[in-house]
Amino acid sequence: MAFHRKTGETDADRVLEELGVAGVIRRDDLSPLFCRAAAALKSEFRRISLADCFALALARELDARFLTADHHELDAVAMMGRFDIAFIR
């Protein structure tokens, strides 16, 4: 996490707590089937980070919108229309 790398563990913990207060739900139930789905996305979209592939797989599983600010990696995927992707900036 960038906060951990730039400002340390205390700030990273604070950000995680704030995300929870904001309603972001932490998931720790990664089944082998889910991991394979994320790996398949990574195989298909090689320029996308593995973290984004996991997030896309989760959005697909939950039938949810994927929010991102990363136009560089995800513009082409969004244009394909296979995922509900919204850019926050």
PDB file of N, CA and C in Angstrom:
ATOM      1  N   MET A   1       0.834  -1.161   0.000  1.00  0.00           N
ATOM      2  CA  MET A   1       0.000   0.000   0.000  1.00  0.00           C
ATOM      3  C   MET A   1       0.890   1.239   0.000  1.00  0.00           C
ATOM      4  N   ALA A   2       0.544   2.213  -0.809  1.00  0.00           N
ATOM      5  CA  ALA A   2       1.363   3.408  -0.963  1.00  0.00           C
ATOM      6  C   ALA A   2       1.529   4.170   0.344  1.00  0.00           C
ATOM      7  N   PHE A   3       0.500   4.208   1.168  1.00  0.00           N
ATOM      8  CA  PHE A   3       0.611   4.928   2.436  1.00  0.00           C
ATOM      9  C   PHE A   3       1.679   4.302   3.320  1.00  0.00           C
ATOM     10  N   HIS A   4       1.725   2.996   3.327  1.00  0.00           N
ATOM     11  CA  HIS A   4       2.715   2.299   4.148  1.00  0.00           C
ATOM     12  C   HIS A   4       4.115   2.623   3.655  1.00  0.00           C
ATOM     13  N   ARG A   5       4.304   2.569   2.362  1.00  0.00           N
ATOM     14  CA  ARG A   5       5.615   2.807   1.774  1.00  0.00           C
ATOM     15  C   ARG A   5       6.065   4.252   2.000  1.00  0.00           C
ATOM     16  N   LYS A   6       5.153   5.211   1.871  1.00  0.00           N
ATOM     17  CA  LYS A   6       5.524   6.626   1.947  1.00  0.00           C
ATOM     18  C   LYS A   6       5.574   7.177   3.364  1.00  0.00           C
ATOM     19  N   THR A   7       4.632   6.777   4.215  1.00  0.00           N
ATOM     20  CA  THR A   7       4.555   7.424   5.527  1.00  0.00           C
ATOM     21  C   THR A   7       4.556   6.457   6.702  1.00  0.00           C
ATOM     22  N   GLY A   8       4.569   5.164   6.437  1.00  0.00           N
ATOM     23  CA  GLY A   8       4.707   4.212   7.529  1.00  0.00           C
ATOM     24  C   GLY A   8       3.440   3.457   7.882  1.00  0.00           C
ATOM     25  N   GLU A   9       3.635   2.489   8.753  1.00  0.00           N
ATOM     26  CA  GLU A   9       2.573   1.562   9.123  1.00  0.00           C
ATOM     27  C   GLU A   9       1.415   2.249   9.845  1.00  0.00           C
ATOM     28  N   THR A  10       1.714   3.224  10.687  1.00  0.00           N
ATOM     29  CA  THR A  10       0.661   3.907  11.440  1.00  0.00           C
ATOM     30  C   THR A  10      -0.326   4.591  10.502  1.00  0.00           C
ATOM     31  N   ASP A  11       0.190   5.296   9.497  1.00  0.00           N
ATOM     32  CA  ASP A  11      -0.697   5.954   8.523  1.00  0.00           C
ATOM     33  C   ASP A  11      -1.468   4.925   7.704  1.00  0.00           C
ATOM     34  N   ALA A  12      -0.826   3.841   7.358  1.00  0.00           N
ATOM     35  CA  ALA A  12      -1.511   2.796   6.593  1.00  0.00           C
ATOM     36  C   ALA A  12      -2.661   2.212   7.411  1.00  0.00           C
ATOM     37  N   ASP A  13      -2.436   1.957   8.678  1.00  0.00           N
ATOM     38  CA  ASP A  13      -3.500   1.450   9.546  1.00  0.00           C
ATOM     39  C   ASP A  13      -4.643   2.449   9.648  1.00  0.00           C
ATOM     40  N   ARG A  14      -4.315   3.730   9.745  1.00  0.00           N
ATOM     41  CA  ARG A  14      -5.338   4.776   9.824  1.00  0.00           C
ATOM     42  C   ARG A  14      -6.178   4.808   8.554  1.00  0.00           C
ATOM     43  N   VAL A  15      -5.538   4.698   7.407  1.00  0.00           N
ATOM     44  CA  VAL A  15      -6.270   4.712   6.135  1.00  0.00           C
ATOM     45  C   VAL A  15      -7.191   3.494   6.040  1.00  0.00           C
ATOM     46  N   LEU A  16      -6.719   2.331   6.437  1.00  0.00           N
ATOM     47  CA  LEU A  16      -7.564   1.142   6.411  1.00  0.00           C
ATOM     48  C   LEU A  16      -8.774   1.315   7.314  1.00  0.00           C
ATOM     49  N   GLU A  17      -8.565   1.919   8.477  1.00  0.00           N
ATOM     50  CA  GLU A  17      -9.683   2.174   9.388  1.00  0.00           C
ATOM     51  C   GLU A  17     -10.678   3.151   8.757  1.00  0.00           C
ATOM     52  N   GLU A  18     -10.172   4.199   8.118  1.00  0.00           N
ATOM     53  CA  GLU A  18     -11.044   5.177   7.468  1.00  0.00           C
ATOM     54  C   GLU A  18     -11.832   4.552   6.320  1.00  0.00           C
ATOM     55  N   LEU A  19     -11.213   3.651   5.589  1.00  0.00           N
ATOM     56  CA  LEU A  19     -11.931   2.962   4.511  1.00  0.00           C
ATOM     57  C   LEU A  19     -13.084   2.141   5.079  1.00  0.00           C
ATOM     58  N   GLY A  20     -12.841   1.486   6.210  1.00  0.00           N
ATOM     59  CA  GLY A  20     -13.901   0.723   6.853  1.00  0.00           C
ATOM     60  C   GLY A  20     -15.044   1.611   7.304  1.00  0.00           C
ATOM     61  N   VAL A  21     -14.723   2.762   7.875  1.00  0.00           N
ATOM     62  CA  VAL A  21     -15.752   3.716   8.306  1.00  0.00           C
ATOM     63  C   VAL A  21     -16.542   4.217   7.093  1.00  0.00           C
ATOM     64  N   ALA A  22     -15.867   4.364   5.964  1.00  0.00           N
ATOM     65  CA  ALA A  22     -16.518   4.850   4.741  1.00  0.00           C
ATOM     66  C   ALA A  22     -17.393   3.775   4.090  1.00  0.00           C
ATOM     67  N   GLY A  23     -17.342   2.545   4.608  1.00  0.00           N
ATOM     68  CA  GLY A  23     -18.205   1.495   4.080  1.00  0.00           C
ATOM     69  C   GLY A  23     -17.527   0.492   3.166  1.00  0.00           C
ATOM     70  N   VAL A  24     -16.208   0.623   2.990  1.00  0.00           N
ATOM     71  CA  VAL A  24     -15.483  -0.349   2.173  1.00  0.00           C
ATOM     72  C   VAL A  24     -15.417  -1.657   2.958  1.00  0.00           C
ATOM     73  N   ILE A  25     -15.822  -2.726   2.321  1.00  0.00           N
ATOM     74  CA  ILE A  25     -15.885  -4.029   2.976  1.00  0.00           C
ATOM     75  C   ILE A  25     -14.606  -4.811   2.706  1.00  0.00           C
ATOM     76  N   ARG A  26     -13.958  -5.251   3.760  1.00  0.00           N
ATOM     77  CA  ARG A  26     -12.743  -6.047   3.630  1.00  0.00           C
ATOM     78  C   ARG A  26     -13.124  -7.493   3.316  1.00  0.00           C
ATOM     79  N   ARG A  27     -12.438  -8.079   2.350  1.00  0.00           N
ATOM     80  CA  ARG A  27     -12.684  -9.472   1.978  1.00  0.00           C
ATOM     81  C   ARG A  27     -11.424 -10.287   2.260  1.00  0.00           C
ATOM     82  N   ASP A  28     -11.601 -11.446   2.837  1.00  0.00           N
ATOM     83  CA  ASP A  28     -10.471 -12.344   3.049  1.00  0.00           C
ATOM     84  C   ASP A  28     -10.878 -13.792   2.761  1.00  0.00           C
ATOM     85  N   ASP A  29     -11.779 -13.943   1.812  1.00  0.00           N
ATOM     86  CA  ASP A  29     -12.316 -15.268   1.485  1.00  0.00           C
ATOM     87  C   ASP A  29     -11.972 -15.664   0.044  1.00  0.00           C
ATOM     88  N   LEU A  30     -10.715 -15.597  -0.291  1.00  0.00           N
ATOM     89  CA  LEU A  30     -10.287 -15.882  -1.655  1.00  0.00           C
ATOM     90  C   LEU A  30     -10.234 -17.383  -1.910  1.00  0.00           C
ATOM     91  N   SER A  31     -11.242 -17.879  -2.585  1.00  0.00           N
ATOM     92  CA  SER A  31     -11.288 -19.305  -2.903  1.00  0.00           C
ATOM     93  C   SER A  31     -10.367 -19.593  -4.086  1.00  0.00           C
ATOM     94  N   PRO A  32      -9.989 -20.853  -4.263  1.00  0.00           N
ATOM     95  CA  PRO A  32      -9.188 -21.209  -5.425  1.00  0.00           C
ATOM     96  C   PRO A  32      -9.884 -20.840  -6.746  1.00  0.00           C
ATOM     97  N   LEU A  33     -11.197 -20.993  -6.811  1.00  0.00           N
ATOM     98  CA  LEU A  33     -11.942 -20.636  -8.023  1.00  0.00           C
ATOM     99  C   LEU A  33     -11.841 -19.136  -8.301  1.00  0.00           C
ATOM    100  N   PHE A  34     -11.972 -18.335  -7.261  1.00  0.00           N
ATOM    101  CA  PHE A  34     -11.849 -16.891  -7.415  1.00  0.00           C
ATOM    102  C   PHE A  34     -10.438 -16.516  -7.863  1.00  0.00           C
ATOM    103  N   CYS A  35      -9.425 -17.123  -7.254  1.00  0.00           N
ATOM    104  CA  CYS A  35      -8.033 -16.850  -7.644  1.00  0.00           C
ATOM    105  C   CYS A  35      -7.785 -17.223  -9.093  1.00  0.00           C
ATOM    106  N   ARG A  36      -8.383 -18.318  -9.553  1.00  0.00           N
ATOM    107  CA  ARG A  36      -8.241 -18.713 -10.966  1.00  0.00           C
ATOM    108  C   ARG A  36      -8.899 -17.682 -11.876  1.00  0.00           C
ATOM    109  N   ALA A  37     -10.031 -17.125 -11.460  1.00  0.00           N
ATOM    110  CA  ALA A  37     -10.701 -16.099 -12.263  1.00  0.00           C
ATOM    111  C   ALA A  37      -9.817 -14.859 -12.387  1.00  0.00           C
ATOM    112  N   ALA A  38      -9.198 -14.454 -11.290  1.00  0.00           N
ATOM    113  CA  ALA A  38      -8.289 -13.306 -11.327  1.00  0.00           C
ATOM    114  C   ALA A  38      -7.072 -13.611 -12.190  1.00  0.00           C
ATOM    115  N   ALA A  39      -6.543 -14.821 -12.085  1.00  0.00           N
ATOM    116  CA  ALA A  39      -5.389 -15.214 -12.894  1.00  0.00           C
ATOM    117  C   ALA A  39      -5.739 -15.239 -14.381  1.00  0.00           C
ATOM    118  N   ALA A  40      -6.940 -15.672 -14.709  1.00  0.00           N
ATOM    119  CA  ALA A  40      -7.368 -15.679 -16.111  1.00  0.00           C
ATOM    120  C   ALA A  40      -7.435 -14.255 -16.653  1.00  0.00           C
ATOM    121  N   LEU A  41      -7.908 -13.316 -15.838  1.00  0.00           N
ATOM    122  CA  LEU A  41      -7.928 -11.915 -16.268  1.00  0.00           C
ATOM    123  C   LEU A  41      -6.507 -11.387 -16.468  1.00  0.00           C
ATOM    124  N   LYS A  42      -5.600 -11.749 -15.586  1.00  0.00           N
ATOM    125  CA  LYS A  42      -4.198 -11.323 -15.716  1.00  0.00           C
ATOM    126  C   LYS A  42      -3.596 -11.891 -16.982  1.00  0.00           C
ATOM    127  N   SER A  43      -3.941 -13.112 -17.301  1.00  0.00           N
ATOM    128  CA  SER A  43      -3.439 -13.731 -18.524  1.00  0.00           C
ATOM    129  C   SER A  43      -3.973 -13.011 -19.758  1.00  0.00           C
ATOM    130  N   GLU A  44      -5.225 -12.613 -19.701  1.00  0.00           N
ATOM    131  CA  GLU A  44      -5.847 -11.934 -20.838  1.00  0.00           C
ATOM    132  C   GLU A  44      -5.387 -10.487 -20.965  1.00  0.00           C
ATOM    133  N   PHE A  45      -5.323  -9.792 -19.840  1.00  0.00           N
ATOM    134  CA  PHE A  45      -4.968  -8.373 -19.833  1.00  0.00           C
ATOM    135  C   PHE A  45      -3.602  -8.205 -19.172  1.00  0.00           C
ATOM    136  N   ARG A  46      -2.561  -8.495 -19.886  1.00  0.00           N
ATOM    137  CA  ARG A  46      -1.212  -8.545 -19.307  1.00  0.00           C
ATOM    138  C   ARG A  46      -0.723  -7.216 -18.761  1.00  0.00           C
ATOM    139  N   ARG A  47      -1.199  -6.099 -19.293  1.00  0.00           N
ATOM    140  CA  ARG A  47      -0.722  -4.784 -18.842  1.00  0.00           C
ATOM    141  C   ARG A  47      -1.398  -4.328 -17.551  1.00  0.00           C
ATOM    142  N   ILE A  48      -2.423  -5.025 -17.118  1.00  0.00           N
ATOM    143  CA  ILE A  48      -3.145  -4.649 -15.909  1.00  0.00           C
ATOM    144  C   ILE A  48      -2.472  -5.309 -14.704  1.00  0.00           C
ATOM    145  N   SER A  49      -2.406  -4.577 -13.606  1.00  0.00           N
ATOM    146  CA  SER A  49      -1.782  -5.125 -12.396  1.00  0.00           C
ATOM    147  C   SER A  49      -2.582  -6.324 -11.873  1.00  0.00           C
ATOM    148  N   LEU A  50      -1.901  -7.197 -11.156  1.00  0.00           N
ATOM    149  CA  LEU A  50      -2.565  -8.347 -10.556  1.00  0.00           C
ATOM    150  C   LEU A  50      -3.626  -7.883  -9.561  1.00  0.00           C
ATOM    151  N   ALA A  51      -3.345  -6.815  -8.828  1.00  0.00           N
ATOM    152  CA  ALA A  51      -4.330  -6.282  -7.874  1.00  0.00           C
ATOM    153  C   ALA A  51      -5.596  -5.850  -8.601  1.00  0.00           C
ATOM    154  N   ASP A  52      -5.455  -5.171  -9.731  1.00  0.00           N
ATOM    155  CA  ASP A  52      -6.635  -4.768 -10.502  1.00  0.00           C
ATOM    156  C   ASP A  52      -7.381  -5.978 -11.046  1.00  0.00           C
ATOM    157  N   CYS A  53      -6.673  -7.028 -11.405  1.00  0.00           N
ATOM    158  CA  CYS A  53      -7.337  -8.248 -11.874  1.00  0.00           C
ATOM    159  C   CYS A  53      -8.171  -8.876 -10.761  1.00  0.00           C
ATOM    160  N   PHE A  54      -7.641  -8.880  -9.537  1.00  0.00           N
ATOM    161  CA  PHE A  54      -8.428  -9.373  -8.408  1.00  0.00           C
ATOM    162  C   PHE A  54      -9.651  -8.494  -8.185  1.00  0.00           C
ATOM    163  N   ALA A  55      -9.469  -7.185  -8.280  1.00  0.00           N
ATOM    164  CA  ALA A  55     -10.596  -6.273  -8.078  1.00  0.00           C
ATOM    165  C   ALA A  55     -11.641  -6.423  -9.183  1.00  0.00           C
ATOM    166  N   LEU A  56     -11.207  -6.591 -10.416  1.00  0.00           N
ATOM    167  CA  LEU A  56     -12.154  -6.826 -11.512  1.00  0.00           C
ATOM    168  C   LEU A  56     -12.908  -8.142 -11.314  1.00  0.00           C
ATOM    169  N   ALA A  57     -12.196  -9.180 -10.888  1.00  0.00           N
ATOM    170  CA  ALA A  57     -12.848 -10.471 -10.645  1.00  0.00           C
ATOM    171  C   ALA A  57     -13.886 -10.338  -9.527  1.00  0.00           C
ATOM    172  N   LEU A  58     -13.563  -9.578  -8.490  1.00  0.00           N
ATOM    173  CA  LEU A  58     -14.513  -9.374  -7.394  1.00  0.00           C
ATOM    174  C   LEU A  58     -15.716  -8.569  -7.871  1.00  0.00           C
ATOM    175  N   ALA A  59     -15.473  -7.526  -8.644  1.00  0.00           N
ATOM    176  CA  ALA A  59     -16.589  -6.730  -9.174  1.00  0.00           C
ATOM    177  C   ALA A  59     -17.505  -7.599 -10.028  1.00  0.00           C
ATOM    178  N   ARG A  60     -16.917  -8.458 -10.820  1.00  0.00           N
ATOM    179  CA  ARG A  60     -17.726  -9.361 -11.655  1.00  0.00           C
ATOM    180  C   ARG A  60     -18.523 -10.324 -10.782  1.00  0.00           C
ATOM    181  N   GLU A  61     -17.882 -10.881  -9.765  1.00  0.00           N
ATOM    182  CA  GLU A  61     -18.549 -11.836  -8.877  1.00  0.00           C
ATOM    183  C   GLU A  61     -19.722 -11.182  -8.138  1.00  0.00           C
ATOM    184  N   LEU A  62     -19.553  -9.936  -7.742  1.00  0.00           N
ATOM    185  CA  LEU A  62     -20.581  -9.231  -6.980  1.00  0.00           C
ATOM    186  C   LEU A  62     -21.552  -8.452  -7.868  1.00  0.00           C
ATOM    187  N   ASP A  63     -21.336  -8.499  -9.168  1.00  0.00           N
ATOM    188  CA  ASP A  63     -22.122  -7.705 -10.114  1.00  0.00           C
ATOM    189  C   ASP A  63     -22.103  -6.234  -9.683  1.00  0.00           C
ATOM    190  N   ALA A  64     -20.885  -5.745  -9.447  1.00  0.00           N
ATOM    191  CA  ALA A  64     -20.689  -4.396  -8.915  1.00  0.00           C
ATOM    192  C   ALA A  64     -19.863  -3.552  -9.884  1.00  0.00           C
ATOM    193  N   ARG A  65     -19.898  -2.269  -9.669  1.00  0.00           N
ATOM    194  CA  ARG A  65     -19.089  -1.325 -10.454  1.00  0.00           C
ATOM    195  C   ARG A  65     -17.675  -1.309  -9.894  1.00  0.00           C
ATOM    196  N   PHE A  66     -16.706  -1.283 -10.794  1.00  0.00           N
ATOM    197  CA  PHE A  66     -15.285  -1.185 -10.442  1.00  0.00           C
ATOM    198  C   PHE A  66     -14.887   0.282 -10.537  1.00  0.00           C
ATOM    199  N   LEU A  67     -14.482   0.876  -9.403  1.00  0.00           N
ATOM    200  CA  LEU A  67     -14.063   2.268  -9.373  1.00  0.00           C
ATOM    201  C   LEU A  67     -12.550   2.348  -9.439  1.00  0.00           C
ATOM    202  N   THR A  68     -12.042   3.242 -10.282  1.00  0.00           N
ATOM    203  CA  THR A  68     -10.603   3.378 -10.433  1.00  0.00           C
ATOM    204  C   THR A  68     -10.260   4.784 -10.905  1.00  0.00           C
ATOM    205  N   ALA A  69      -9.036   5.172 -10.681  1.00  0.00           N
ATOM    206  CA  ALA A  69      -8.509   6.415 -11.227  1.00  0.00           C
ATOM    207  C   ALA A  69      -7.436   6.105 -12.270  1.00  0.00           C
ATOM    208  N   ASP A  70      -7.228   4.834 -12.542  1.00  0.00           N
ATOM    209  CA  ASP A  70      -6.123   4.381 -13.389  1.00  0.00           C
ATOM    210  C   ASP A  70      -6.538   4.262 -14.849  1.00  0.00           C
ATOM    211  N   HIS A  71      -6.578   5.388 -15.532  1.00  0.00           N
ATOM    212  CA  HIS A  71      -6.909   5.371 -16.956  1.00  0.00           C
ATOM    213  C   HIS A  71      -5.849   4.618 -17.758  1.00  0.00           C
ATOM    214  N   HIS A  72      -4.595   4.771 -17.359  1.00  0.00           N
ATOM    215  CA  HIS A  72      -3.491   4.193 -18.129  1.00  0.00           C
ATOM    216  C   HIS A  72      -3.684   2.696 -18.392  1.00  0.00           C
ATOM    217  N   GLU A  73      -4.049   1.965 -17.369  1.00  0.00           N
ATOM    218  CA  GLU A  73      -4.191   0.520 -17.527  1.00  0.00           C
ATOM    219  C   GLU A  73      -5.594   0.094 -17.928  1.00  0.00           C
ATOM    220  N   LEU A  74      -6.618   0.870 -17.554  1.00  0.00           N
ATOM    221  CA  LEU A  74      -7.979   0.349 -17.651  1.00  0.00           C
ATOM    222  C   LEU A  74      -8.870   1.002 -18.701  1.00  0.00           C
ATOM    223  N   ASP A  75      -8.409   2.038 -19.376  1.00  0.00           N
ATOM    224  CA  ASP A  75      -9.230   2.648 -20.427  1.00  0.00           C
ATOM    225  C   ASP A  75      -9.618   1.623 -21.497  1.00  0.00           C
ATOM    226  N   ALA A  76      -8.656   0.857 -21.954  1.00  0.00           N
ATOM    227  CA  ALA A  76      -8.931  -0.124 -23.014  1.00  0.00           C
ATOM    228  C   ALA A  76      -9.909  -1.194 -22.542  1.00  0.00           C
ATOM    229  N   VAL A  77      -9.786  -1.615 -21.310  1.00  0.00           N
ATOM    230  CA  VAL A  77     -10.701  -2.625 -20.764  1.00  0.00           C
ATOM    231  C   VAL A  77     -12.106  -2.036 -20.655  1.00  0.00           C
ATOM    232  N   ALA A  78     -12.199  -0.800 -20.192  1.00  0.00           N
ATOM    233  CA  ALA A  78     -13.508  -0.152 -20.061  1.00  0.00           C
ATOM    234  C   ALA A  78     -14.190  -0.035 -21.425  1.00  0.00           C
ATOM    235  N   MET A  79     -13.428   0.282 -22.446  1.00  0.00           N
ATOM    236  CA  MET A  79     -14.002   0.446 -23.789  1.00  0.00           C
ATOM    237  C   MET A  79     -14.525  -0.873 -24.355  1.00  0.00           C
ATOM    238  N   MET A  80     -14.047  -1.991 -23.839  1.00  0.00           N
ATOM    239  CA  MET A  80     -14.516  -3.292 -24.309  1.00  0.00           C
ATOM    240  C   MET A  80     -15.954  -3.554 -23.881  1.00  0.00           C
ATOM    241  N   GLY A  81     -16.391  -2.920 -22.793  1.00  0.00           N
ATOM    242  CA  GLY A  81     -17.767  -3.061 -22.330  1.00  0.00           C
ATOM    243  C   GLY A  81     -18.078  -4.332 -21.568  1.00  0.00           C
ATOM    244  N   ARG A  82     -17.067  -5.102 -21.215  1.00  0.00           N
ATOM    245  CA  ARG A  82     -17.294  -6.355 -20.491  1.00  0.00           C
ATOM    246  C   ARG A  82     -17.401  -6.160 -18.988  1.00  0.00           C
ATOM    247  N   PHE A  83     -16.972  -5.010 -18.501  1.00  0.00           N
ATOM    248  CA  PHE A  83     -16.992  -4.703 -17.074  1.00  0.00           C
ATOM    249  C   PHE A  83     -17.640  -3.343 -16.880  1.00  0.00           C
ATOM    250  N   ASP A  84     -18.279  -3.167 -15.732  1.00  0.00           N
ATOM    251  CA  ASP A  84     -18.846  -1.880 -15.362  1.00  0.00           C
ATOM    252  C   ASP A  84     -17.736  -1.119 -14.618  1.00  0.00           C
ATOM    253  N   ILE A  85     -17.013  -0.270 -15.361  1.00  0.00           N
ATOM    254  CA  ILE A  85     -15.881   0.463 -14.815  1.00  0.00           C
ATOM    255  C   ILE A  85     -16.212   1.943 -14.805  1.00  0.00           C
ATOM    256  N   ALA A  86     -15.988   2.594 -13.660  1.00  0.00           N
ATOM    257  CA  ALA A  86     -16.191   4.029 -13.546  1.00  0.00           C
ATOM    258  C   ALA A  86     -14.872   4.658 -13.092  1.00  0.00           C
ATOM    259  N   PHE A  87     -14.500   5.723 -13.760  1.00  0.00           N
ATOM    260  CA  PHE A  87     -13.265   6.442 -13.415  1.00  0.00           C
ATOM    261  C   PHE A  87     -13.617   7.581 -12.472  1.00  0.00           C
ATOM    262  N   ILE A  88     -12.876   7.678 -11.378  1.00  0.00           N
ATOM    263  CA  ILE A  88     -13.190   8.678 -10.361  1.00  0.00           C
ATOM    264  C   ILE A  88     -12.458   9.988 -10.591  1.00  0.00           C
ATOM    265  N   ARG A  89     -11.640  10.054 -11.571  1.00  0.00           N
ATOM    266  CA  ARG A  89     -11.027  11.314 -12.004  1.00  0.00           C
ATOM    267  C   ARG A  89     -10.539  11.182 -13.416  1.00  0.00           C
TER     268      ARG A  89
END
